Amino acid sequence: MAFPTLWPPRLAVLGKRLSRWIGMATIALLAFHALSTLLFAVLGLAPGHNRWPLLLTFAGVLAVAGMAVGIQRYAKKAWVSRLLGTVSGGFSGAVLGFFVGGQWGNQQARWAFLGLTVGGLLLGLLAFWAYRNGRARRRMWADFWANFLGSAIALISSLCAYTLAFGLAAWAWMALSTGRFGLVVLLCPLAVFYLWCTRQGLKVCWQYWRWGDHRNTIEG
């Protein structure tokens, strides 16, 4: 079942594709801005600083989101892929919610953690719906939004993995400059692993994008 439209079919398909590209570019820019702002706010912190727990929380949430989307591509069972997609969506939504809550609440911790909770629940529920329905839906509108959301969530989680990889590489460089070679040996493989997760997450993003593009071409 196609979207009801008064436009010619080819023009309707072109409009859907253009709206998807604009929407995805907007999501990517906003997510990158939020993640880079948070990263550079905590990058120079040292153990013992009063904001050190914030850095550990930030790194932990990024780690879960990035790892989940990296492994998702290799899930053989549909329910495992849905679970990993939901986890990556929930944790990446928590990071974005933390940023939005902090901005709206004038950097107050209670607003930031409220945003973290709301963002995690919201994007986690959307991810569960998107990855649960995905390509198998019969109705065009559900297919369109499920595949778009699946692609967008995988992109945000991939950016989380890339942000953590960048942070780990920066911390490894700082450790090298201070002669802490043991820490360098620990951080470098982790940075490489999260770069790998970034690559795999982008493949998940592209997979859902192509499914949505295929459905729009056929049923548009």
N, C-alpha and C. Protein backbone atom coordinates (compact mmCIF):
# COMPACT_ATOMS: atom_id res chain seq x y z
N MET A 1 0.85 -1.19 0.00
CA MET A 1 0.00 0.00 0.00
C MET A 1 0.89 1.25 0.00
N ALA A 2 0.71 2.11 -0.96
CA ALA A 2 1.54 3.30 -1.10
C ALA A 2 0.95 4.47 -0.34
N PHE A 3 1.77 5.49 -0.11
CA PHE A 3 1.28 6.72 0.49
C PHE A 3 0.27 7.37 -0.45
N PRO A 4 -0.88 7.84 0.06
CA PRO A 4 -1.78 8.60 -0.79
C PRO A 4 -1.13 9.92 -1.17
N THR A 5 -1.12 10.25 -2.44
CA THR A 5 -0.46 11.46 -2.89
C THR A 5 -1.13 11.99 -4.14
N LEU A 6 -1.11 13.31 -4.30
CA LEU A 6 -1.64 13.96 -5.50
C LEU A 6 -0.52 14.20 -6.50
N TRP A 7 0.73 13.93 -6.13
CA TRP A 7 1.86 14.16 -7.00
C TRP A 7 2.06 12.98 -7.94
N PRO A 8 2.67 13.20 -9.10
CA PRO A 8 3.03 12.08 -9.99
C PRO A 8 3.95 11.12 -9.26
N PRO A 9 3.86 9.81 -9.56
CA PRO A 9 4.65 8.81 -8.81
C PRO A 9 6.14 9.11 -8.77
N ARG A 10 6.74 9.48 -9.90
CA ARG A 10 8.18 9.73 -9.92
C ARG A 10 8.55 10.93 -9.05
N LEU A 11 7.73 11.95 -9.09
CA LEU A 11 7.98 13.14 -8.26
C LEU A 11 7.79 12.82 -6.78
N ALA A 12 6.80 11.97 -6.47
CA ALA A 12 6.59 11.57 -5.08
C ALA A 12 7.77 10.79 -4.54
N VAL A 13 8.33 9.88 -5.34
CA VAL A 13 9.51 9.11 -4.92
C VAL A 13 10.69 10.04 -4.71
N LEU A 14 10.89 10.99 -5.63
CA LEU A 14 11.98 11.94 -5.49
C LEU A 14 11.83 12.77 -4.22
N GLY A 15 10.59 13.19 -3.92
CA GLY A 15 10.36 13.95 -2.71
C GLY A 15 10.67 13.17 -1.45
N LYS A 16 10.30 11.88 -1.44
CA LYS A 16 10.59 11.04 -0.26
C LYS A 16 12.09 10.86 -0.08
N ARG A 17 12.78 10.62 -1.19
CA ARG A 17 14.22 10.44 -1.09
C ARG A 17 14.90 11.72 -0.61
N LEU A 18 14.48 12.86 -1.13
CA LEU A 18 15.07 14.13 -0.72
C LEU A 18 14.80 14.41 0.75
N SER A 19 13.59 14.12 1.20
CA SER A 19 13.26 14.35 2.61
C SER A 19 14.08 13.44 3.52
N ARG A 20 14.33 12.21 3.08
CA ARG A 20 15.16 11.30 3.87
C ARG A 20 16.59 11.81 3.98
N TRP A 21 17.15 12.27 2.87
CA TRP A 21 18.52 12.78 2.88
C TRP A 21 18.63 14.00 3.79
N ILE A 22 17.68 14.90 3.67
CA ILE A 22 17.70 16.11 4.51
C ILE A 22 17.56 15.73 5.99
N GLY A 23 16.62 14.83 6.28
CA GLY A 23 16.41 14.40 7.65
C GLY A 23 17.64 13.72 8.24
N MET A 24 18.28 12.83 7.45
CA MET A 24 19.45 12.13 7.95
C MET A 24 20.63 13.07 8.14
N ALA A 25 20.81 14.01 7.22
CA ALA A 25 21.90 14.98 7.37
C ALA A 25 21.69 15.84 8.61
N THR A 26 20.45 16.24 8.87
CA THR A 26 20.15 17.05 10.06
C THR A 26 20.44 16.27 11.33
N ILE A 27 20.01 15.01 11.37
CA ILE A 27 20.27 14.16 12.54
C ILE A 27 21.76 13.99 12.76
N ALA A 28 22.51 13.74 11.68
CA ALA A 28 23.95 13.54 11.80
C ALA A 28 24.64 14.79 12.34
N LEU A 29 24.27 15.95 11.83
CA LEU A 29 24.91 17.20 12.28
C LEU A 29 24.60 17.50 13.74
N LEU A 30 23.33 17.32 14.14
CA LEU A 30 22.96 17.59 15.52
C LEU A 30 23.62 16.61 16.49
N ALA A 31 23.65 15.34 16.10
CA ALA A 31 24.29 14.33 16.96
C ALA A 31 25.78 14.59 17.08
N PHE A 32 26.43 14.92 15.96
CA PHE A 32 27.87 15.19 15.99
C PHE A 32 28.17 16.42 16.85
N HIS A 33 27.34 17.44 16.74
CA HIS A 33 27.54 18.64 17.57
C HIS A 33 27.43 18.32 19.05
N ALA A 34 26.39 17.55 19.41
CA ALA A 34 26.19 17.20 20.82
C ALA A 34 27.34 16.36 21.35
N LEU A 35 27.75 15.35 20.60
CA LEU A 35 28.79 14.44 21.06
C LEU A 35 30.15 15.14 21.14
N SER A 36 30.47 15.95 20.14
CA SER A 36 31.76 16.64 20.18
C SER A 36 31.80 17.67 21.31
N THR A 37 30.68 18.35 21.57
CA THR A 37 30.64 19.31 22.67
C THR A 37 30.88 18.62 24.01
N LEU A 38 30.20 17.48 24.22
CA LEU A 38 30.39 16.74 25.46
C LEU A 38 31.81 16.19 25.59
N LEU A 39 32.34 15.69 24.48
CA LEU A 39 33.70 15.12 24.54
C LEU A 39 34.73 16.17 24.93
N PHE A 40 34.71 17.32 24.26
CA PHE A 40 35.73 18.33 24.54
C PHE A 40 35.53 18.99 25.91
N ALA A 41 34.32 18.82 26.48
CA ALA A 41 34.09 19.35 27.82
C ALA A 41 34.77 18.50 28.90
N VAL A 42 35.01 17.22 28.59
CA VAL A 42 35.57 16.32 29.59
C VAL A 42 36.94 15.76 29.20
N LEU A 43 37.42 16.11 28.01
CA LEU A 43 38.62 15.46 27.48
C LEU A 43 39.85 15.70 28.34
N GLY A 44 39.97 16.90 28.89
CA GLY A 44 41.17 17.22 29.65
C GLY A 44 41.10 16.92 31.14
N LEU A 45 40.03 16.27 31.58
CA LEU A 45 39.88 16.00 33.01
C LEU A 45 40.85 14.92 33.47
N ALA A 46 41.29 15.04 34.70
CA ALA A 46 42.20 14.06 35.29
C ALA A 46 41.52 13.38 36.47
N PRO A 47 41.96 12.17 36.84
CA PRO A 47 41.39 11.51 38.02
C PRO A 47 41.51 12.40 39.26
N GLY A 48 40.44 12.46 40.05
CA GLY A 48 40.41 13.31 41.21
C GLY A 48 39.66 14.61 40.98
N HIS A 49 39.45 14.95 39.71
CA HIS A 49 38.66 16.15 39.40
C HIS A 49 37.22 15.91 39.82
N ASN A 50 36.51 16.97 40.22
CA ASN A 50 35.14 16.78 40.70
C ASN A 50 34.18 16.36 39.59
N ARG A 51 34.60 16.51 38.32
CA ARG A 51 33.76 16.06 37.20
C ARG A 51 34.24 14.74 36.61
N TRP A 52 35.19 14.09 37.29
CA TRP A 52 35.70 12.80 36.80
C TRP A 52 34.61 11.74 36.69
N PRO A 53 33.67 11.63 37.66
CA PRO A 53 32.57 10.66 37.50
C PRO A 53 31.74 10.92 36.24
N LEU A 54 31.60 12.20 35.87
CA LEU A 54 30.87 12.53 34.64
C LEU A 54 31.58 11.96 33.42
N LEU A 55 32.91 12.07 33.40
CA LEU A 55 33.68 11.51 32.29
C LEU A 55 33.50 10.00 32.20
N LEU A 56 33.57 9.32 33.35
CA LEU A 56 33.43 7.87 33.35
C LEU A 56 32.03 7.45 32.89
N THR A 57 31.01 8.20 33.33
CA THR A 57 29.64 7.91 32.89
C THR A 57 29.49 8.10 31.38
N PHE A 58 30.02 9.21 30.89
CA PHE A 58 29.96 9.53 29.47
C PHE A 58 30.65 8.45 28.64
N ALA A 59 31.87 8.07 29.06
CA ALA A 59 32.61 7.05 28.34
C ALA A 59 31.90 5.69 28.38
N GLY A 60 31.31 5.36 29.53
CA GLY A 60 30.61 4.08 29.65
C GLY A 60 29.39 3.99 28.75
N VAL A 61 28.62 5.08 28.70
CA VAL A 61 27.43 5.08 27.84
C VAL A 61 27.82 5.00 26.37
N LEU A 62 28.85 5.76 25.98
CA LEU A 62 29.34 5.67 24.60
C LEU A 62 29.84 4.27 24.28
N ALA A 63 30.50 3.64 25.24
CA ALA A 63 31.05 2.30 25.01
C ALA A 63 29.94 1.29 24.74
N VAL A 64 28.87 1.34 25.51
CA VAL A 64 27.78 0.39 25.32
C VAL A 64 27.07 0.64 23.98
N ALA A 65 26.78 1.91 23.69
CA ALA A 65 26.11 2.24 22.43
C ALA A 65 26.94 1.82 21.23
N GLY A 66 28.23 2.14 21.25
CA GLY A 66 29.10 1.81 20.13
C GLY A 66 29.32 0.32 19.96
N MET A 67 29.51 -0.40 21.07
CA MET A 67 29.73 -1.84 20.98
C MET A 67 28.49 -2.55 20.48
N ALA A 68 27.32 -2.13 20.95
CA ALA A 68 26.07 -2.79 20.55
C ALA A 68 25.84 -2.69 19.05
N VAL A 69 26.04 -1.49 18.48
CA VAL A 69 25.79 -1.34 17.05
C VAL A 69 26.88 -2.04 16.24
N GLY A 70 28.10 -2.12 16.78
CA GLY A 70 29.16 -2.83 16.08
C GLY A 70 28.89 -4.32 15.98
N ILE A 71 28.38 -4.89 17.06
CA ILE A 71 28.09 -6.33 17.07
C ILE A 71 26.79 -6.64 16.34
N GLN A 72 25.89 -5.67 16.27
CA GLN A 72 24.56 -5.90 15.69
C GLN A 72 24.64 -6.47 14.28
N ARG A 73 25.58 -6.02 13.51
CA ARG A 73 25.68 -6.46 12.11
C ARG A 73 25.94 -7.95 12.00
N TYR A 74 26.53 -8.55 13.03
CA TYR A 74 26.88 -9.97 12.99
C TYR A 74 25.89 -10.85 13.72
N ALA A 75 24.79 -10.27 14.17
CA ALA A 75 23.77 -11.06 14.85
C ALA A 75 23.07 -11.97 13.84
N LYS A 76 23.03 -13.26 14.12
CA LYS A 76 22.42 -14.22 13.19
C LYS A 76 20.92 -14.33 13.39
N LYS A 77 20.44 -14.11 14.60
CA LYS A 77 19.02 -14.23 14.89
C LYS A 77 18.38 -12.84 14.94
N ALA A 78 17.13 -12.77 14.46
CA ALA A 78 16.44 -11.48 14.39
C ALA A 78 16.27 -10.86 15.77
N TRP A 79 15.94 -11.68 16.78
CA TRP A 79 15.68 -11.12 18.10
C TRP A 79 16.96 -10.57 18.74
N VAL A 80 18.11 -11.19 18.41
CA VAL A 80 19.38 -10.67 18.92
C VAL A 80 19.69 -9.32 18.28
N SER A 81 19.45 -9.21 16.97
CA SER A 81 19.67 -7.94 16.28
C SER A 81 18.77 -6.85 16.85
N ARG A 82 17.50 -7.20 17.13
CA ARG A 82 16.58 -6.22 17.72
C ARG A 82 17.06 -5.78 19.10
N LEU A 83 17.51 -6.74 19.89
CA LEU A 83 17.98 -6.42 21.24
C LEU A 83 19.18 -5.49 21.19
N LEU A 84 20.15 -5.80 20.34
CA LEU A 84 21.34 -4.96 20.23
C LEU A 84 20.97 -3.58 19.68
N GLY A 85 20.06 -3.53 18.71
CA GLY A 85 19.61 -2.24 18.18
C GLY A 85 18.90 -1.41 19.23
N THR A 86 18.10 -2.07 20.06
CA THR A 86 17.40 -1.36 21.13
C THR A 86 18.37 -0.83 22.17
N VAL A 87 19.37 -1.63 22.51
CA VAL A 87 20.38 -1.20 23.48
C VAL A 87 21.17 -0.02 22.93
N SER A 88 21.62 -0.13 21.69
CA SER A 88 22.40 0.98 21.11
C SER A 88 21.54 2.24 21.00
N GLY A 89 20.27 2.08 20.63
CA GLY A 89 19.38 3.24 20.56
C GLY A 89 19.15 3.87 21.92
N GLY A 90 18.92 3.04 22.93
CA GLY A 90 18.68 3.57 24.28
C GLY A 90 19.88 4.32 24.83
N PHE A 91 21.07 3.76 24.67
CA PHE A 91 22.26 4.41 25.24
C PHE A 91 22.68 5.63 24.44
N SER A 92 22.55 5.58 23.12
CA SER A 92 22.87 6.79 22.34
C SER A 92 21.85 7.89 22.61
N GLY A 93 20.58 7.50 22.79
CA GLY A 93 19.56 8.49 23.17
C GLY A 93 19.83 9.09 24.53
N ALA A 94 20.40 8.29 25.43
CA ALA A 94 20.74 8.81 26.76
C ALA A 94 21.80 9.90 26.67
N VAL A 95 22.80 9.69 25.79
CA VAL A 95 23.85 10.70 25.62
C VAL A 95 23.26 12.00 25.07
N LEU A 96 22.44 11.87 24.02
CA LEU A 96 21.84 13.07 23.43
C LEU A 96 20.89 13.76 24.41
N GLY A 97 20.13 12.96 25.16
CA GLY A 97 19.24 13.54 26.16
C GLY A 97 20.00 14.25 27.26
N PHE A 98 21.14 13.71 27.64
CA PHE A 98 21.99 14.35 28.64
C PHE A 98 22.45 15.73 28.16
N PHE A 99 22.83 15.79 26.89
CA PHE A 99 23.27 17.07 26.32
C PHE A 99 22.12 18.07 26.27
N VAL A 100 20.97 17.64 25.76
CA VAL A 100 19.82 18.54 25.63
C VAL A 100 19.35 19.01 27.01
N GLY A 101 19.26 18.07 27.97
CA GLY A 101 18.84 18.44 29.32
C GLY A 101 19.79 19.43 29.96
N GLY A 102 21.09 19.23 29.76
CA GLY A 102 22.07 20.17 30.31
C GLY A 102 21.97 21.55 29.70
N GLN A 103 21.70 21.59 28.38
CA GLN A 103 21.57 22.89 27.71
C GLN A 103 20.31 23.63 28.19
N TRP A 104 19.20 22.91 28.25
CA TRP A 104 17.94 23.53 28.68
C TRP A 104 17.97 23.91 30.16
N GLY A 105 18.65 23.12 30.97
CA GLY A 105 18.66 23.36 32.41
C GLY A 105 19.83 24.19 32.88
N ASN A 106 20.50 24.91 31.96
CA ASN A 106 21.61 25.79 32.32
C ASN A 106 22.71 25.03 33.06
N GLN A 107 23.04 23.84 32.52
CA GLN A 107 24.13 23.00 33.00
C GLN A 107 23.90 22.42 34.40
N GLN A 108 22.66 22.41 34.86
CA GLN A 108 22.36 21.82 36.16
C GLN A 108 22.29 20.30 36.03
N ALA A 109 22.88 19.61 37.02
CA ALA A 109 23.02 18.16 36.93
C ALA A 109 21.66 17.46 36.89
N ARG A 110 20.69 17.95 37.66
CA ARG A 110 19.39 17.27 37.72
C ARG A 110 18.69 17.30 36.37
N TRP A 111 18.82 18.43 35.64
CA TRP A 111 18.21 18.52 34.32
C TRP A 111 18.95 17.64 33.32
N ALA A 112 20.26 17.58 33.45
CA ALA A 112 21.05 16.74 32.55
C ALA A 112 20.69 15.27 32.73
N PHE A 113 20.56 14.82 33.96
CA PHE A 113 20.24 13.42 34.19
C PHE A 113 18.77 13.11 33.90
N LEU A 114 17.90 14.12 34.03
CA LEU A 114 16.53 13.94 33.57
C LEU A 114 16.49 13.75 32.06
N GLY A 115 17.27 14.57 31.35
CA GLY A 115 17.37 14.42 29.91
C GLY A 115 17.95 13.07 29.52
N LEU A 116 18.93 12.60 30.27
CA LEU A 116 19.53 11.29 30.02
C LEU A 116 18.48 10.19 30.11
N THR A 117 17.65 10.25 31.15
CA THR A 117 16.61 9.22 31.35
C THR A 117 15.56 9.28 30.25
N VAL A 118 15.06 10.47 29.97
CA VAL A 118 14.01 10.62 28.96
C VAL A 118 14.54 10.26 27.58
N GLY A 119 15.74 10.75 27.24
CA GLY A 119 16.32 10.45 25.94
C GLY A 119 16.58 8.97 25.75
N GLY A 120 17.07 8.31 26.79
CA GLY A 120 17.32 6.88 26.69
C GLY A 120 16.05 6.07 26.49
N LEU A 121 15.01 6.42 27.27
CA LEU A 121 13.74 5.70 27.13
C LEU A 121 13.10 5.95 25.76
N LEU A 122 13.12 7.21 25.32
CA LEU A 122 12.47 7.56 24.06
C LEU A 122 13.14 6.88 22.88
N LEU A 123 14.45 7.04 22.76
CA LEU A 123 15.12 6.45 21.60
C LEU A 123 15.19 4.93 21.71
N GLY A 124 15.22 4.42 22.94
CA GLY A 124 15.17 2.97 23.11
C GLY A 124 13.86 2.38 22.63
N LEU A 125 12.75 3.04 22.95
CA LEU A 125 11.44 2.56 22.49
C LEU A 125 11.31 2.68 20.97
N LEU A 126 11.80 3.79 20.42
CA LEU A 126 11.77 3.95 18.97
C LEU A 126 12.63 2.88 18.28
N ALA A 127 13.79 2.59 18.88
CA ALA A 127 14.65 1.55 18.31
C ALA A 127 13.99 0.19 18.37
N PHE A 128 13.32 -0.11 19.48
CA PHE A 128 12.63 -1.39 19.60
C PHE A 128 11.56 -1.53 18.53
N TRP A 129 10.81 -0.43 18.29
CA TRP A 129 9.78 -0.48 17.24
C TRP A 129 10.41 -0.62 15.85
N ALA A 130 11.45 0.17 15.59
CA ALA A 130 12.06 0.16 14.26
C ALA A 130 12.69 -1.19 13.94
N TYR A 131 13.47 -1.73 14.86
CA TYR A 131 14.17 -2.98 14.59
C TYR A 131 13.25 -4.19 14.74
N ARG A 132 12.13 -4.02 15.40
CA ARG A 132 11.15 -5.10 15.50
C ARG A 132 10.36 -5.24 14.21
N ASN A 133 10.07 -4.10 13.58
CA ASN A 133 9.27 -4.12 12.36
C ASN A 133 10.16 -4.19 11.12
N GLY A 134 10.98 -3.16 10.99
CA GLY A 134 11.96 -3.15 9.92
C GLY A 134 11.40 -3.44 8.55
N ARG A 135 12.04 -4.37 7.86
CA ARG A 135 11.75 -4.61 6.46
C ARG A 135 10.48 -5.41 6.24
N ALA A 136 10.00 -6.09 7.28
CA ALA A 136 8.93 -7.05 7.09
C ALA A 136 7.54 -6.45 7.09
N ARG A 137 7.41 -5.18 7.38
CA ARG A 137 6.09 -4.58 7.46
C ARG A 137 5.43 -4.52 6.09
N ARG A 138 4.11 -4.73 6.08
CA ARG A 138 3.36 -4.70 4.83
C ARG A 138 2.92 -3.29 4.45
N ARG A 139 2.70 -2.45 5.45
CA ARG A 139 2.21 -1.10 5.17
C ARG A 139 3.36 -0.17 4.87
N MET A 140 3.19 0.62 3.83
CA MET A 140 4.28 1.46 3.35
C MET A 140 4.74 2.46 4.40
N TRP A 141 3.80 3.12 5.10
CA TRP A 141 4.20 4.14 6.06
C TRP A 141 5.03 3.54 7.18
N ALA A 142 4.65 2.33 7.63
CA ALA A 142 5.41 1.68 8.70
C ALA A 142 6.80 1.29 8.21
N ASP A 143 6.89 0.78 6.99
CA ASP A 143 8.18 0.44 6.40
C ASP A 143 9.08 1.66 6.32
N PHE A 144 8.52 2.75 5.83
CA PHE A 144 9.31 3.97 5.64
C PHE A 144 9.91 4.44 6.95
N TRP A 145 9.08 4.58 7.98
CA TRP A 145 9.56 5.11 9.24
C TRP A 145 10.44 4.11 10.00
N ALA A 146 10.11 2.82 9.91
CA ALA A 146 10.94 1.82 10.59
C ALA A 146 12.34 1.80 10.01
N ASN A 147 12.44 1.79 8.69
CA ASN A 147 13.76 1.75 8.06
C ASN A 147 14.52 3.06 8.25
N PHE A 148 13.80 4.17 8.19
CA PHE A 148 14.46 5.46 8.41
C PHE A 148 15.00 5.55 9.84
N LEU A 149 14.17 5.18 10.81
CA LEU A 149 14.60 5.23 12.21
C LEU A 149 15.73 4.24 12.47
N GLY A 150 15.62 3.03 11.90
CA GLY A 150 16.69 2.05 12.05
C GLY A 150 18.01 2.57 11.53
N SER A 151 17.97 3.22 10.38
CA SER A 151 19.18 3.81 9.80
C SER A 151 19.70 4.96 10.64
N ALA A 152 18.80 5.83 11.11
CA ALA A 152 19.21 6.99 11.90
C ALA A 152 19.81 6.57 13.24
N ILE A 153 19.21 5.60 13.89
CA ILE A 153 19.71 5.14 15.20
C ILE A 153 21.08 4.49 15.04
N ALA A 154 21.25 3.69 13.98
CA ALA A 154 22.57 3.09 13.73
C ALA A 154 23.61 4.17 13.45
N LEU A 155 23.22 5.24 12.76
CA LEU A 155 24.15 6.34 12.49
C LEU A 155 24.56 7.04 13.79
N ILE A 156 23.58 7.33 14.65
CA ILE A 156 23.90 8.01 15.92
C ILE A 156 24.80 7.13 16.78
N SER A 157 24.51 5.84 16.84
CA SER A 157 25.33 4.93 17.63
C SER A 157 26.74 4.80 17.05
N SER A 158 26.85 4.85 15.72
CA SER A 158 28.17 4.83 15.08
C SER A 158 28.96 6.09 15.45
N LEU A 159 28.28 7.22 15.51
CA LEU A 159 28.95 8.45 15.94
C LEU A 159 29.39 8.36 17.40
N CYS A 160 28.60 7.65 18.22
CA CYS A 160 29.01 7.42 19.61
C CYS A 160 30.31 6.61 19.65
N ALA A 161 30.37 5.57 18.82
CA ALA A 161 31.58 4.74 18.76
C ALA A 161 32.78 5.56 18.28
N TYR A 162 32.56 6.40 17.27
CA TYR A 162 33.65 7.22 16.75
C TYR A 162 34.12 8.25 17.79
N THR A 163 33.17 8.83 18.51
CA THR A 163 33.52 9.80 19.55
C THR A 163 34.38 9.15 20.62
N LEU A 164 34.01 7.94 21.02
CA LEU A 164 34.80 7.25 22.04
C LEU A 164 36.18 6.87 21.49
N ALA A 165 36.23 6.44 20.23
CA ALA A 165 37.52 6.10 19.63
C ALA A 165 38.44 7.32 19.60
N PHE A 166 37.88 8.47 19.24
CA PHE A 166 38.67 9.71 19.22
C PHE A 166 39.14 10.06 20.63
N GLY A 167 38.25 9.95 21.61
CA GLY A 167 38.63 10.25 22.98
C GLY A 167 39.71 9.32 23.51
N LEU A 168 39.58 8.03 23.22
CA LEU A 168 40.59 7.06 23.65
C LEU A 168 41.94 7.34 23.01
N ALA A 169 41.92 7.70 21.72
CA ALA A 169 43.18 8.03 21.04
C ALA A 169 43.81 9.28 21.65
N ALA A 170 42.99 10.26 21.98
CA ALA A 170 43.52 11.48 22.59
C ALA A 170 44.10 11.20 23.97
N TRP A 171 43.41 10.37 24.75
CA TRP A 171 43.93 10.01 26.07
C TRP A 171 45.20 9.17 25.96
N ALA A 172 45.26 8.32 24.94
CA ALA A 172 46.48 7.53 24.72
C ALA A 172 47.66 8.44 24.38
N TRP A 173 47.41 9.47 23.58
CA TRP A 173 48.47 10.42 23.24
C TRP A 173 48.94 11.19 24.47
N MET A 174 47.99 11.60 25.32
CA MET A 174 48.37 12.31 26.55
C MET A 174 49.15 11.40 27.48
N ALA A 175 48.75 10.13 27.54
CA ALA A 175 49.48 9.17 28.37
C ALA A 175 50.89 8.95 27.84
N LEU A 176 51.01 8.91 26.50
CA LEU A 176 52.34 8.73 25.90
C LEU A 176 53.23 9.92 26.21
N SER A 177 52.68 11.11 26.18
CA SER A 177 53.47 12.32 26.44
C SER A 177 53.94 12.41 27.88
N THR A 178 53.26 11.71 28.78
CA THR A 178 53.66 11.71 30.20
C THR A 178 54.40 10.43 30.59
N GLY A 179 54.66 9.56 29.61
CA GLY A 179 55.44 8.36 29.88
C GLY A 179 54.67 7.21 30.51
N ARG A 180 53.36 7.24 30.44
CA ARG A 180 52.56 6.14 31.00
C ARG A 180 52.29 5.11 29.90
N PHE A 181 53.29 4.29 29.63
CA PHE A 181 53.23 3.38 28.49
C PHE A 181 52.23 2.24 28.69
N GLY A 182 52.03 1.85 29.93
CA GLY A 182 51.04 0.81 30.20
C GLY A 182 49.63 1.25 29.82
N LEU A 183 49.33 2.50 30.11
CA LEU A 183 48.03 3.05 29.75
C LEU A 183 47.89 3.17 28.24
N VAL A 184 48.98 3.50 27.57
CA VAL A 184 48.96 3.58 26.10
C VAL A 184 48.62 2.22 25.51
N VAL A 185 49.26 1.17 26.03
CA VAL A 185 49.01 -0.19 25.54
C VAL A 185 47.56 -0.60 25.76
N LEU A 186 46.94 -0.11 26.82
CA LEU A 186 45.54 -0.43 27.10
C LEU A 186 44.58 0.35 26.20
N LEU A 187 44.86 1.64 26.00
CA LEU A 187 43.91 2.50 25.30
C LEU A 187 43.95 2.34 23.78
N CYS A 188 45.11 2.10 23.21
CA CYS A 188 45.21 2.02 21.74
C CYS A 188 44.37 0.89 21.15
N PRO A 189 44.43 -0.35 21.68
CA PRO A 189 43.56 -1.39 21.11
C PRO A 189 42.07 -1.07 21.27
N LEU A 190 41.70 -0.40 22.37
CA LEU A 190 40.30 -0.02 22.55
C LEU A 190 39.89 1.01 21.51
N ALA A 191 40.77 1.95 21.21
CA ALA A 191 40.46 2.95 20.18
C ALA A 191 40.28 2.28 18.82
N VAL A 192 41.13 1.33 18.50
CA VAL A 192 41.00 0.60 17.22
C VAL A 192 39.71 -0.20 17.19
N PHE A 193 39.37 -0.82 18.32
CA PHE A 193 38.13 -1.61 18.39
C PHE A 193 36.91 -0.73 18.13
N TYR A 194 36.89 0.46 18.69
CA TYR A 194 35.72 1.33 18.51
C TYR A 194 35.70 1.99 17.13
N LEU A 195 36.85 2.10 16.49
CA LEU A 195 36.84 2.48 15.08
C LEU A 195 36.22 1.38 14.24
N TRP A 196 36.53 0.14 14.59
CA TRP A 196 35.90 -1.00 13.91
C TRP A 196 34.39 -0.99 14.14
N CYS A 197 33.97 -0.72 15.36
CA CYS A 197 32.53 -0.64 15.66
C CYS A 197 31.87 0.47 14.85
N THR A 198 32.59 1.58 14.67
CA THR A 198 32.06 2.67 13.85
C THR A 198 31.79 2.18 12.44
N ARG A 199 32.74 1.49 11.87
CA ARG A 199 32.60 0.98 10.50
C ARG A 199 31.44 0.01 10.39
N GLN A 200 31.32 -0.90 11.34
CA GLN A 200 30.23 -1.88 11.29
C GLN A 200 28.88 -1.20 11.49
N GLY A 201 28.82 -0.21 12.37
CA GLY A 201 27.57 0.51 12.59
C GLY A 201 27.12 1.26 11.36
N LEU A 202 28.07 1.84 10.63
CA LEU A 202 27.71 2.53 9.39
C LEU A 202 27.19 1.55 8.35
N LYS A 203 27.66 0.32 8.38
CA LYS A 203 27.13 -0.69 7.47
C LYS A 203 25.69 -1.05 7.83
N VAL A 204 25.38 -1.10 9.13
CA VAL A 204 23.99 -1.32 9.56
C VAL A 204 23.13 -0.15 9.10
N CYS A 205 23.63 1.06 9.26
CA CYS A 205 22.93 2.26 8.81
C CYS A 205 22.62 2.18 7.32
N TRP A 206 23.60 1.82 6.53
CA TRP A 206 23.43 1.74 5.08
C TRP A 206 22.46 0.61 4.70
N GLN A 207 22.49 -0.48 5.45
CA GLN A 207 21.59 -1.60 5.17
C GLN A 207 20.14 -1.17 5.32
N TYR A 208 19.81 -0.51 6.41
CA TYR A 208 18.43 -0.06 6.61
C TYR A 208 18.07 1.06 5.63
N TRP A 209 19.04 1.87 5.28
CA TRP A 209 18.79 2.94 4.31
C TRP A 209 18.42 2.34 2.95
N ARG A 210 19.14 1.33 2.54
CA ARG A 210 18.86 0.71 1.24
C ARG A 210 17.52 -0.01 1.24
N TRP A 211 17.15 -0.63 2.36
CA TRP A 211 15.83 -1.26 2.43
C TRP A 211 14.73 -0.23 2.23
N GLY A 212 14.85 0.90 2.92
CA GLY A 212 13.86 1.95 2.78
C GLY A 212 13.83 2.53 1.38
N ASP A 213 15.01 2.68 0.76
CA ASP A 213 15.08 3.21 -0.59
C ASP A 213 14.44 2.25 -1.59
N HIS A 214 14.65 0.95 -1.37
CA HIS A 214 14.06 -0.07 -2.25
C HIS A 214 12.55 -0.03 -2.17
N ARG A 215 12.01 0.06 -0.96
CA ARG A 215 10.55 0.09 -0.79
C ARG A 215 9.96 1.35 -1.40
N ASN A 216 10.63 2.50 -1.23
CA ASN A 216 10.12 3.74 -1.81
C ASN A 216 10.10 3.68 -3.32
N THR A 217 11.10 3.03 -3.93
CA THR A 217 11.17 2.94 -5.38
C THR A 217 10.04 2.06 -5.92
N ILE A 218 9.77 0.96 -5.24
CA ILE A 218 8.77 0.01 -5.72
C ILE A 218 7.37 0.54 -5.50
N GLU A 219 7.11 1.09 -4.30
CA GLU A 219 5.73 1.41 -3.93
C GLU A 219 5.44 2.89 -3.97
N GLY A 220 6.44 3.69 -4.34
CA GLY A 220 6.21 5.13 -4.36
C GLY A 220 5.28 5.52 -5.48
